[in-house]
Amino acid sequence: MSRADGPGPRDATPLTRAHQAAVRGGLPPDDPRDWEDARRGFVGSLPEAEVQNAAGRVVWSLRDYGFLAEAAAPDTVNPSLWRQARLNMHHGLFEVTDRVYQVRGFDISNMTLIEGDRGVIVIDPLISTEVARAALALYRRHRGARPVAAVIYTHSHVDHYGGVRGVVDEAEVAAGRVPVIAPDRFLEEVTAENVLAGSAMVRRAQFQFGATLPKGPRGQVDAGLGKVTSRGTVTLIPPTVVLRAPIERRTVDGVEIVFQQTPDSEAKAEMHMFYPGLRALNLAENATHNLHNVYPIRGAQVRDANAWAKFLDEALDRFAPEALVAFAQHHWPVWGRARVADFLAAQRDAYKYLHDQTVRLMNHGYRATEIPERLGWPRGLAAAWHVRGYYGTTSHNSRSVYQRYLGWYDANPATLDPLPPVPRAQNRWPTWAARRR
């Protein structure tokens, strides 16, 4: 399309088509296990997973993603992202293992449900009350009207607690009948991230996730971590049980859970869970089917890639030998002891490699913009689909590691006091400099 055709999405340019072809040629062989795992245990769903609020406004829907039925990626979409977007279209209630279920594809995150002695434990009730309520209703339609016996927040990001009032009445919590369990410093980190910088972060999240963009091969295709963020009512019920010990074993509604604190990993307040009786490992958001953000471009404090790798290594040593399935609060599980160990090891290695190689090059004198040009995955990681950059990239993650240690300054005095964008674009340096004296 030419510029005369007016504004709006356009077809891929020859340069874009050549780039997409190069990406396609460099992809590893497709792994059919991802497709099998993404649909394994399917129980049922809603048509297009569409959810409305009380006023009839659609707050979540996969209806507009029908274009992803095409197996081949169009020239306007990265072919690796197209594959991830199609995998993220699997939606509904899935059985993970005996007594463990997930609702996937009803938000950017998953809701996990574990059947206990008295009722069901809800883990991470999505972003919005409307989608959380619909997810719980879907579970009950297929598994019976079990009451909510407990709610667990795995970490302090809104897509893991915002829908809580859609699954439990606060009066039940206040009366002590339904505990709400969270990791150490959960409320402090929720406040730090969503209040102090909340306005700027909400605005920038619109750019990161593209929730308001039209869906299509020339618009919003996928967010890597899931389709997109829901647009319903966000709520919070403060935790009544805060876990502080590095490793803590508790029984919740008859289900034994070993909690592993993982502070300053994917979130400042986060934890893994191992369920010994179920031989299942919940990795929260520290090991998903993509390379994650060491720094989220919506804005937040830079995460510690070294600590992230350390906690995954600890989970690998402590829990993986007994785990027959590993899952997270995004994407789909992996089954089998050997695959769980391989998955965890590759995820650990990705964050450790990013950290160590960035620090090595940083100490050799390379700057933040130069380091990504010298980083490439080792052969083993390059062949793993689940560490590809659908959500975080080696480029911006390595710069994030640099920032954590050295800050934004690149040791070039000319960048100490840069011009703002407008006077720089207008070439008004002398006037601007005079005003700054």
Protein backbone atom coordinates (compact mmCIF):
# COMPACT_ATOMS: atom_id res chain seq x y z
CA MET A 1 0.00 0.00 0.00
CA SER A 2 1.19 3.51 -0.69
CA ARG A 3 1.15 6.53 1.59
CA ALA A 4 -1.72 7.84 -0.54
CA ASP A 5 -3.92 5.04 0.74
CA GLY A 6 -4.16 6.91 4.04
CA PRO A 7 -3.32 6.01 7.61
CA GLY A 8 -3.87 2.62 9.14
CA PRO A 9 -2.27 -0.83 9.02
CA ARG A 10 -0.48 -1.60 5.78
CA ASP A 11 0.88 -4.66 4.10
CA ALA A 12 4.41 -5.87 4.77
CA THR A 13 7.16 -4.01 2.94
CA PRO A 14 9.80 -5.97 0.98
CA LEU A 15 12.23 -5.39 3.85
CA THR A 16 9.73 -6.82 6.36
CA ARG A 17 9.00 -9.82 4.15
CA ALA A 18 12.72 -10.53 3.83
CA HIS A 19 13.15 -10.28 7.59
CA GLN A 20 10.24 -12.66 8.25
CA ALA A 21 11.66 -15.14 5.76
CA ALA A 22 15.01 -15.02 7.55
CA VAL A 23 13.31 -15.65 10.90
CA ARG A 24 11.35 -18.54 9.42
CA GLY A 25 14.51 -20.10 8.07
CA GLY A 26 16.23 -19.89 11.45
CA LEU A 27 13.50 -21.47 13.56
CA PRO A 28 14.09 -24.83 15.25
CA PRO A 29 12.01 -27.81 14.09
CA ASP A 30 8.45 -27.60 15.40
CA ASP A 31 7.90 -29.51 18.63
CA PRO A 32 4.56 -31.35 18.39
CA ARG A 33 4.57 -31.90 22.15
CA ASP A 34 3.63 -28.24 22.68
CA TRP A 35 0.45 -28.72 20.65
CA GLU A 36 -0.35 -31.96 22.45
CA ASP A 37 0.31 -30.43 25.88
CA ALA A 38 -1.72 -27.28 25.15
CA ARG A 39 -4.87 -29.34 24.50
CA ARG A 40 -4.23 -32.24 26.88
CA GLY A 41 -6.89 -32.76 29.54
CA PHE A 42 -9.48 -30.52 27.86
CA VAL A 43 -12.83 -30.69 29.67
CA GLY A 44 -14.95 -27.89 28.19
CA SER A 45 -15.21 -24.18 27.46
CA LEU A 46 -17.46 -21.30 26.43
CA PRO A 47 -17.83 -20.34 22.77
CA GLU A 48 -14.97 -17.94 21.97
CA ALA A 49 -14.48 -17.73 25.77
CA GLU A 50 -16.54 -14.54 25.65
CA VAL A 51 -17.40 -12.80 28.95
CA GLN A 52 -19.50 -9.68 29.51
CA ASN A 53 -19.90 -7.40 32.50
CA ALA A 54 -23.23 -6.53 34.16
CA ALA A 55 -23.83 -3.74 31.64
CA GLY A 56 -23.37 -6.11 28.70
CA ARG A 57 -19.96 -4.81 27.69
CA VAL A 58 -17.54 -7.49 26.50
CA VAL A 59 -14.55 -7.61 28.85
CA TRP A 60 -12.93 -10.70 27.34
CA SER A 61 -13.34 -12.53 24.06
CA LEU A 62 -11.37 -14.68 21.65
CA ARG A 63 -13.95 -14.11 18.91
CA ASP A 64 -11.78 -11.62 17.01
CA TYR A 65 -8.82 -13.99 16.91
CA GLY A 66 -10.39 -16.28 14.33
CA PHE A 67 -7.72 -15.23 11.84
CA LEU A 68 -5.29 -17.48 13.78
CA ALA A 69 -6.98 -20.54 12.30
CA GLU A 70 -4.52 -20.19 9.42
CA ALA A 71 -1.46 -22.34 10.06
CA ALA A 72 0.95 -20.25 7.98
CA ALA A 73 1.97 -16.85 9.29
CA PRO A 74 1.26 -13.84 7.04
CA ASP A 75 4.15 -11.59 6.08
CA THR A 76 3.02 -8.96 8.60
CA VAL A 77 3.59 -11.25 11.62
CA ASN A 78 6.78 -12.81 12.95
CA PRO A 79 6.35 -16.56 12.20
CA SER A 80 7.61 -17.58 15.64
CA LEU A 81 5.08 -15.28 17.35
CA TRP A 82 2.35 -16.65 15.07
CA ARG A 83 3.04 -20.14 16.40
CA GLN A 84 2.85 -18.89 20.00
CA ALA A 85 -0.36 -17.00 19.26
CA ARG A 86 -2.00 -20.15 17.90
CA LEU A 87 -0.93 -22.17 20.92
CA ASN A 88 -2.40 -19.49 23.19
CA MET A 89 -5.79 -19.96 21.53
CA HIS A 90 -6.49 -23.18 23.46
CA HIS A 91 -9.06 -22.16 26.05
CA GLY A 92 -11.35 -23.63 28.67
CA LEU A 93 -11.12 -25.98 31.63
CA PHE A 94 -8.26 -28.51 31.55
CA GLU A 95 -7.39 -31.35 33.90
CA VAL A 96 -3.69 -31.12 34.78
CA THR A 97 -3.55 -34.18 37.02
CA ASP A 98 -5.78 -35.81 39.61
CA ARG A 99 -7.59 -33.02 41.54
CA VAL A 100 -5.71 -30.23 39.74
CA TYR A 101 -7.47 -28.16 37.05
CA GLN A 102 -6.71 -24.96 35.17
CA VAL A 103 -8.88 -22.46 33.33
CA ARG A 104 -6.75 -21.16 30.47
CA GLY A 105 -7.50 -18.62 27.76
CA PHE A 106 -9.97 -16.60 29.87
CA ASP A 107 -7.40 -13.87 30.53
CA ILE A 108 -3.70 -13.35 29.93
CA SER A 109 -3.08 -15.53 33.02
CA ASN A 110 -4.42 -18.91 34.20
CA MET A 111 -6.60 -19.77 37.16
CA THR A 112 -5.55 -22.99 38.88
CA LEU A 113 -8.07 -24.95 40.96
CA ILE A 114 -7.13 -27.74 43.37
CA GLU A 115 -9.82 -29.95 44.86
CA GLY A 116 -9.42 -30.30 48.63
CA ASP A 117 -11.36 -32.07 51.36
CA ARG A 118 -14.04 -29.41 51.82
CA GLY A 119 -14.00 -27.42 48.62
CA VAL A 120 -11.67 -26.02 45.97
CA ILE A 121 -8.49 -23.94 46.38
CA VAL A 122 -8.38 -21.09 43.85
CA ILE A 123 -4.89 -20.01 42.80
CA ASP A 124 -4.56 -16.64 41.04
CA PRO A 125 -8.09 -15.39 40.21
CA LEU A 126 -7.11 -13.58 36.96
CA ILE A 127 -7.33 -9.79 36.38
CA SER A 128 -11.06 -9.06 36.42
CA THR A 129 -13.96 -10.15 38.60
CA GLU A 130 -16.10 -10.90 35.55
CA VAL A 131 -13.67 -13.35 33.95
CA ALA A 132 -12.79 -14.91 37.32
CA ARG A 133 -16.49 -15.49 38.03
CA ALA A 134 -16.96 -17.04 34.59
CA ALA A 135 -13.89 -19.26 35.05
CA LEU A 136 -15.13 -20.55 38.41
CA ALA A 137 -18.60 -21.13 36.94
CA LEU A 138 -17.05 -23.15 34.10
CA TYR A 139 -15.20 -25.30 36.63
CA ARG A 140 -18.35 -25.87 38.69
CA ARG A 141 -20.37 -26.75 35.61
CA HIS A 142 -18.09 -29.70 35.00
CA ARG A 143 -16.85 -30.57 38.50
CA GLY A 144 -19.75 -29.68 40.76
CA ALA A 145 -20.60 -26.74 43.02
CA ARG A 146 -17.67 -27.01 45.39
CA PRO A 147 -17.28 -23.99 47.68
CA VAL A 148 -14.05 -21.96 47.59
CA ALA A 149 -12.02 -23.22 50.54
CA ALA A 150 -9.01 -20.91 50.10
CA VAL A 151 -7.48 -18.38 47.72
CA ILE A 152 -3.73 -18.26 47.01
CA TYR A 153 -1.94 -15.41 45.27
CA THR A 154 1.33 -16.61 43.76
CA HIS A 155 2.69 -13.09 43.37
CA SER A 156 2.06 -9.36 43.39
CA HIS A 157 1.06 -8.65 39.76
CA VAL A 158 -2.53 -7.64 39.03
CA ASP A 159 -3.24 -10.53 36.63
CA HIS A 160 -2.85 -12.86 39.62
CA TYR A 161 -5.19 -11.22 42.12
CA GLY A 162 -7.46 -8.65 40.40
CA GLY A 163 -10.46 -10.94 39.94
CA VAL A 164 -10.58 -12.18 43.55
CA ARG A 165 -14.03 -10.74 44.32
CA GLY A 166 -15.36 -12.80 41.45
CA VAL A 167 -14.55 -16.03 43.30
CA VAL A 168 -15.02 -15.22 46.99
CA ASP A 169 -17.11 -12.85 49.09
CA GLU A 170 -14.98 -10.62 51.29
CA ALA A 171 -17.37 -11.32 54.17
CA GLU A 172 -16.37 -14.99 54.01
CA VAL A 173 -12.74 -13.96 54.26
CA ALA A 174 -13.38 -11.51 57.10
CA ALA A 175 -15.27 -14.21 59.00
CA GLY A 176 -12.23 -16.49 58.78
CA ARG A 177 -13.96 -19.12 56.67
CA VAL A 178 -11.78 -18.60 53.55
CA PRO A 179 -8.07 -17.85 54.06
CA VAL A 180 -6.30 -15.71 51.48
CA ILE A 181 -2.64 -16.76 51.30
CA ALA A 182 0.19 -14.72 49.78
CA PRO A 183 4.00 -14.51 49.75
CA ASP A 184 6.04 -12.24 51.98
CA ARG A 185 5.74 -8.49 51.21
CA PHE A 186 2.79 -9.06 48.88
CA LEU A 187 0.83 -5.94 49.88
CA GLU A 188 3.92 -3.75 50.03
CA GLU A 189 4.83 -4.69 46.46
CA VAL A 190 1.26 -4.31 45.17
CA THR A 191 1.28 -0.80 46.59
CA ALA A 192 4.72 0.08 45.25
CA GLU A 193 3.88 -1.05 41.74
CA ASN A 194 0.26 0.06 41.35
CA VAL A 195 -0.02 3.19 43.48
CA LEU A 196 3.25 5.12 43.42
CA ALA A 197 3.74 4.77 39.66
CA GLY A 198 0.25 3.51 38.90
CA SER A 199 -0.95 6.15 36.42
CA ALA A 200 2.18 6.01 34.28
CA MET A 201 2.28 2.23 34.43
CA VAL A 202 -1.36 1.77 33.39
CA ARG A 203 -0.81 4.08 30.44
CA ARG A 204 2.37 2.29 29.36
CA ALA A 205 0.69 -1.10 29.78
CA GLN A 206 -1.66 -0.09 26.97
CA PHE A 207 1.41 0.15 24.73
CA GLN A 208 2.92 -3.11 26.01
CA PHE A 209 -0.15 -5.33 25.69
CA GLY A 210 -2.10 -3.53 22.95
CA ALA A 211 -5.48 -4.35 24.49
CA THR A 212 -7.24 -1.52 22.64
CA LEU A 213 -5.73 -2.27 19.23
CA PRO A 214 -7.87 -3.97 16.57
CA LYS A 215 -7.21 -7.71 16.45
CA GLY A 216 -5.78 -9.09 13.25
CA PRO A 217 -2.63 -9.94 11.29
CA ARG A 218 -1.96 -6.19 10.90
CA GLY A 219 -2.96 -5.36 14.47
CA GLN A 220 -2.81 -7.08 17.85
CA VAL A 221 -1.98 -10.77 17.45
CA ASP A 222 -0.79 -11.95 20.86
CA ALA A 223 1.01 -10.75 23.98
CA GLY A 224 3.34 -13.76 24.17
CA LEU A 225 2.40 -14.52 27.75
CA GLY A 226 -1.22 -14.92 26.67
CA LYS A 227 -3.64 -13.31 24.24
CA VAL A 228 -4.15 -9.93 25.92
CA THR A 229 -5.33 -8.44 29.23
CA SER A 230 -9.01 -8.54 30.19
CA ARG A 231 -10.83 -5.22 30.61
CA GLY A 232 -13.16 -5.81 33.52
CA THR A 233 -13.33 -4.82 37.19
CA VAL A 234 -10.07 -5.07 39.15
CA THR A 235 -10.31 -5.81 42.88
CA LEU A 236 -8.18 -6.90 45.81
CA ILE A 237 -8.81 -8.67 49.09
CA PRO A 238 -5.78 -8.35 51.39
CA PRO A 239 -4.16 -11.65 52.38
CA THR A 240 -5.02 -13.09 55.78
CA VAL A 241 -2.04 -15.46 55.78
CA VAL A 242 1.39 -14.15 54.74
CA LEU A 243 4.15 -16.73 54.31
CA ARG A 244 7.63 -15.57 55.31
CA ALA A 245 9.92 -18.59 55.68
CA PRO A 246 12.07 -19.49 52.63
CA ILE A 247 10.53 -22.99 52.62
CA GLU A 248 7.24 -23.55 54.43
CA ARG A 249 5.07 -26.66 54.52
CA ARG A 250 1.34 -26.24 55.19
CA THR A 251 -1.87 -28.17 54.71
CA VAL A 252 -4.66 -26.20 53.02
CA ASP A 253 -8.09 -27.89 52.93
CA GLY A 254 -6.41 -31.28 53.25
CA VAL A 255 -3.85 -30.57 50.49
CA GLU A 256 -0.20 -30.59 51.56
CA ILE A 257 1.70 -27.70 49.98
CA VAL A 258 5.41 -26.86 50.17
CA PHE A 259 5.85 -23.14 49.52
CA GLN A 260 9.17 -21.82 48.18
CA GLN A 261 9.70 -18.06 48.44
CA THR A 262 11.28 -16.56 45.29
CA PRO A 263 11.62 -12.83 46.08
CA ASP A 264 12.95 -10.44 43.44
CA SER A 265 12.52 -12.96 40.65
CA GLU A 266 9.68 -12.39 38.15
CA ALA A 267 8.00 -10.34 40.88
CA LYS A 268 9.38 -8.70 43.99
CA ALA A 269 7.02 -10.94 46.01
CA GLU A 270 6.51 -14.40 44.50
CA MET A 271 6.49 -18.08 45.45
CA HIS A 272 6.51 -21.57 43.94
CA MET A 273 4.37 -24.42 45.27
CA PHE A 274 4.96 -28.17 45.28
CA TYR A 275 2.09 -30.52 46.08
CA PRO A 276 3.78 -33.75 47.27
CA GLY A 277 0.64 -35.88 47.34
CA LEU A 278 -0.22 -34.83 43.79
CA ARG A 279 3.37 -34.98 42.44
CA ALA A 280 2.77 -31.55 40.88
CA LEU A 281 4.93 -28.41 40.78
CA ASN A 282 3.51 -24.90 40.35
CA LEU A 283 6.18 -22.46 39.14
CA ALA A 284 4.00 -19.32 39.38
CA GLU A 285 5.41 -17.07 36.62
CA ASN A 286 9.09 -17.91 36.90
CA ALA A 287 9.11 -20.62 34.22
CA THR A 288 6.63 -20.23 31.38
CA HIS A 289 6.69 -21.02 27.66
CA ASN A 290 8.59 -17.90 26.69
CA LEU A 291 11.55 -15.83 27.74
CA HIS A 292 10.17 -13.45 30.33
CA ASN A 293 10.93 -9.80 31.06
CA VAL A 294 13.82 -8.94 33.33
CA TYR A 295 12.44 -5.44 32.91
CA PRO A 296 8.78 -5.04 31.84
CA ILE A 297 8.47 -2.25 29.30
CA ARG A 298 5.24 -1.09 30.95
CA GLY A 299 7.57 0.05 33.74
CA ALA A 300 8.65 -1.53 37.04
CA GLN A 301 11.83 -2.05 38.98
CA VAL A 302 14.40 -4.19 37.20
CA ARG A 303 14.29 -7.82 38.33
CA ASP A 304 17.26 -9.86 39.45
CA ALA A 305 18.05 -12.39 36.71
CA ASN A 306 20.69 -14.02 38.91
CA ALA A 307 18.22 -14.60 41.77
CA TRP A 308 15.63 -15.80 39.24
CA ALA A 309 18.02 -18.49 38.00
CA LYS A 310 18.97 -19.41 41.56
CA PHE A 311 15.37 -20.05 42.60
CA LEU A 312 14.71 -22.16 39.51
CA ASP A 313 17.84 -24.16 40.29
CA GLU A 314 16.60 -24.66 43.84
CA ALA A 315 13.22 -25.87 42.56
CA LEU A 316 14.99 -28.22 40.14
CA ASP A 317 17.01 -29.79 42.95
CA ARG A 318 14.31 -29.84 45.61
CA PHE A 319 11.10 -30.67 43.73
CA ALA A 320 11.75 -31.90 40.18
CA PRO A 321 12.90 -35.43 41.19
CA GLU A 322 9.40 -36.09 42.58
CA ALA A 323 7.30 -34.02 40.15
CA LEU A 324 5.38 -35.75 37.39
CA VAL A 325 3.96 -32.49 36.04
CA ALA A 326 5.07 -28.85 36.15
CA PHE A 327 2.80 -25.95 35.31
CA ALA A 328 2.68 -22.19 35.72
CA GLN A 329 0.08 -19.45 35.95
CA HIS A 330 0.49 -18.82 32.21
CA HIS A 331 0.59 -21.20 29.25
CA TRP A 332 0.35 -25.00 29.42
CA PRO A 333 1.99 -27.72 31.59
CA VAL A 334 4.73 -30.23 30.80
CA TRP A 335 4.37 -33.85 31.91
CA GLY A 336 6.92 -36.52 32.81
CA ARG A 337 9.82 -36.40 35.26
CA ALA A 338 12.50 -36.06 32.57
CA ARG A 339 10.66 -33.32 30.69
CA VAL A 340 10.00 -31.37 33.90
CA ALA A 341 13.72 -31.46 34.69
CA ASP A 342 14.73 -30.46 31.15
CA PHE A 343 12.19 -27.62 31.08
CA LEU A 344 13.34 -26.23 34.42
CA ALA A 345 17.02 -26.56 33.55
CA ALA A 346 16.62 -24.65 30.26
CA GLN A 347 14.60 -21.90 31.92
CA ARG A 348 17.23 -21.58 34.65
CA ASP A 349 20.04 -21.53 32.09
CA ALA A 350 18.35 -18.78 30.05
CA TYR A 351 18.24 -16.28 32.91
CA LYS A 352 21.67 -17.28 34.19
CA TYR A 353 23.21 -16.92 30.73
CA LEU A 354 21.61 -13.50 30.22
CA HIS A 355 22.90 -12.34 33.58
CA ASP A 356 26.43 -13.76 33.40
CA GLN A 357 27.19 -12.82 29.80
CA THR A 358 25.84 -9.29 30.24
CA VAL A 359 28.00 -8.82 33.34
CA ARG A 360 31.04 -10.26 31.54
CA LEU A 361 30.67 -7.90 28.58
CA MET A 362 29.85 -4.99 30.87
CA ASN A 363 33.11 -5.53 32.72
CA HIS A 364 34.95 -5.61 29.40
CA GLY A 365 33.75 -2.06 28.83
CA TYR A 366 30.83 -2.61 26.47
CA ARG A 367 27.84 -0.34 26.90
CA ALA A 368 24.18 -1.25 27.25
CA THR A 369 23.44 -0.67 23.55
CA GLU A 370 26.48 -2.68 22.46
CA ILE A 371 26.03 -5.79 24.59
CA PRO A 372 22.88 -7.16 22.84
CA GLU A 373 24.77 -7.19 19.54
CA ARG A 374 27.24 -9.66 21.04
CA LEU A 375 24.72 -11.96 22.69
CA GLY A 376 23.24 -15.01 21.04
CA TRP A 377 21.76 -18.14 22.57
CA PRO A 378 24.01 -21.19 22.93
CA ARG A 379 22.95 -24.03 20.66
CA GLY A 380 20.87 -25.86 23.27
CA LEU A 381 18.84 -22.79 24.26
CA ALA A 382 18.43 -21.71 20.63
CA ALA A 383 16.61 -25.00 19.95
CA ALA A 384 14.16 -24.56 22.87
CA TRP A 385 10.85 -22.98 21.87
CA HIS A 386 9.99 -22.12 25.47
CA VAL A 387 12.81 -19.56 25.86
CA ARG A 388 12.06 -17.60 22.69
CA GLY A 389 11.47 -13.87 23.00
CA TYR A 390 7.70 -13.57 22.80
CA TYR A 391 7.49 -11.46 25.95
CA GLY A 392 11.06 -10.55 26.89
CA THR A 393 13.98 -10.39 24.46
CA THR A 394 17.69 -10.97 24.86
CA SER A 395 18.17 -7.37 23.72
CA HIS A 396 16.08 -5.50 26.25
CA ASN A 397 16.73 -8.06 28.99
CA SER A 398 20.50 -7.67 28.70
CA ARG A 399 20.11 -3.90 28.90
CA SER A 400 18.02 -4.46 32.01
CA VAL A 401 20.79 -6.44 33.67
CA TYR A 402 23.18 -3.61 32.78
CA GLN A 403 20.79 -1.08 34.33
CA ARG A 404 20.51 -3.11 37.53
CA TYR A 405 24.25 -2.87 38.12
CA LEU A 406 25.29 0.39 36.48
CA GLY A 407 22.11 2.43 35.98
CA TRP A 408 21.11 4.37 32.87
CA TYR A 409 24.39 6.26 32.43
CA ASP A 410 26.61 4.75 29.73
CA ALA A 411 29.88 6.47 30.83
CA ASN A 412 29.73 8.88 27.89
CA PRO A 413 29.70 12.48 29.28
CA ALA A 414 27.70 13.66 26.27
CA THR A 415 24.70 11.68 27.51
CA LEU A 416 24.72 13.09 31.03
CA ASP A 417 22.39 15.98 30.20
CA PRO A 418 20.56 15.16 26.96
CA LEU A 419 18.02 17.43 25.29
CA PRO A 420 14.34 16.50 25.64
CA PRO A 421 12.71 15.12 22.47
CA VAL A 422 10.91 18.27 21.25
CA PRO A 423 13.83 20.76 21.25
CA ARG A 424 16.10 18.03 19.92
CA ALA A 425 13.70 17.36 17.03
CA GLN A 426 13.37 21.09 16.35
CA ASN A 427 17.14 21.56 16.41
CA ARG A 428 16.74 24.29 19.07
CA TRP A 429 19.83 23.47 21.13
CA PRO A 430 21.23 27.04 21.54
CA THR A 431 17.92 28.51 22.75
CA TRP A 432 17.24 25.57 25.00
CA ALA A 433 20.75 25.58 26.43
CA ALA A 434 20.47 29.27 27.27
CA ARG A 435 17.26 28.68 29.20
CA ARG A 436 18.88 25.89 31.20
CA ARG A 437 21.71 28.09 32.53
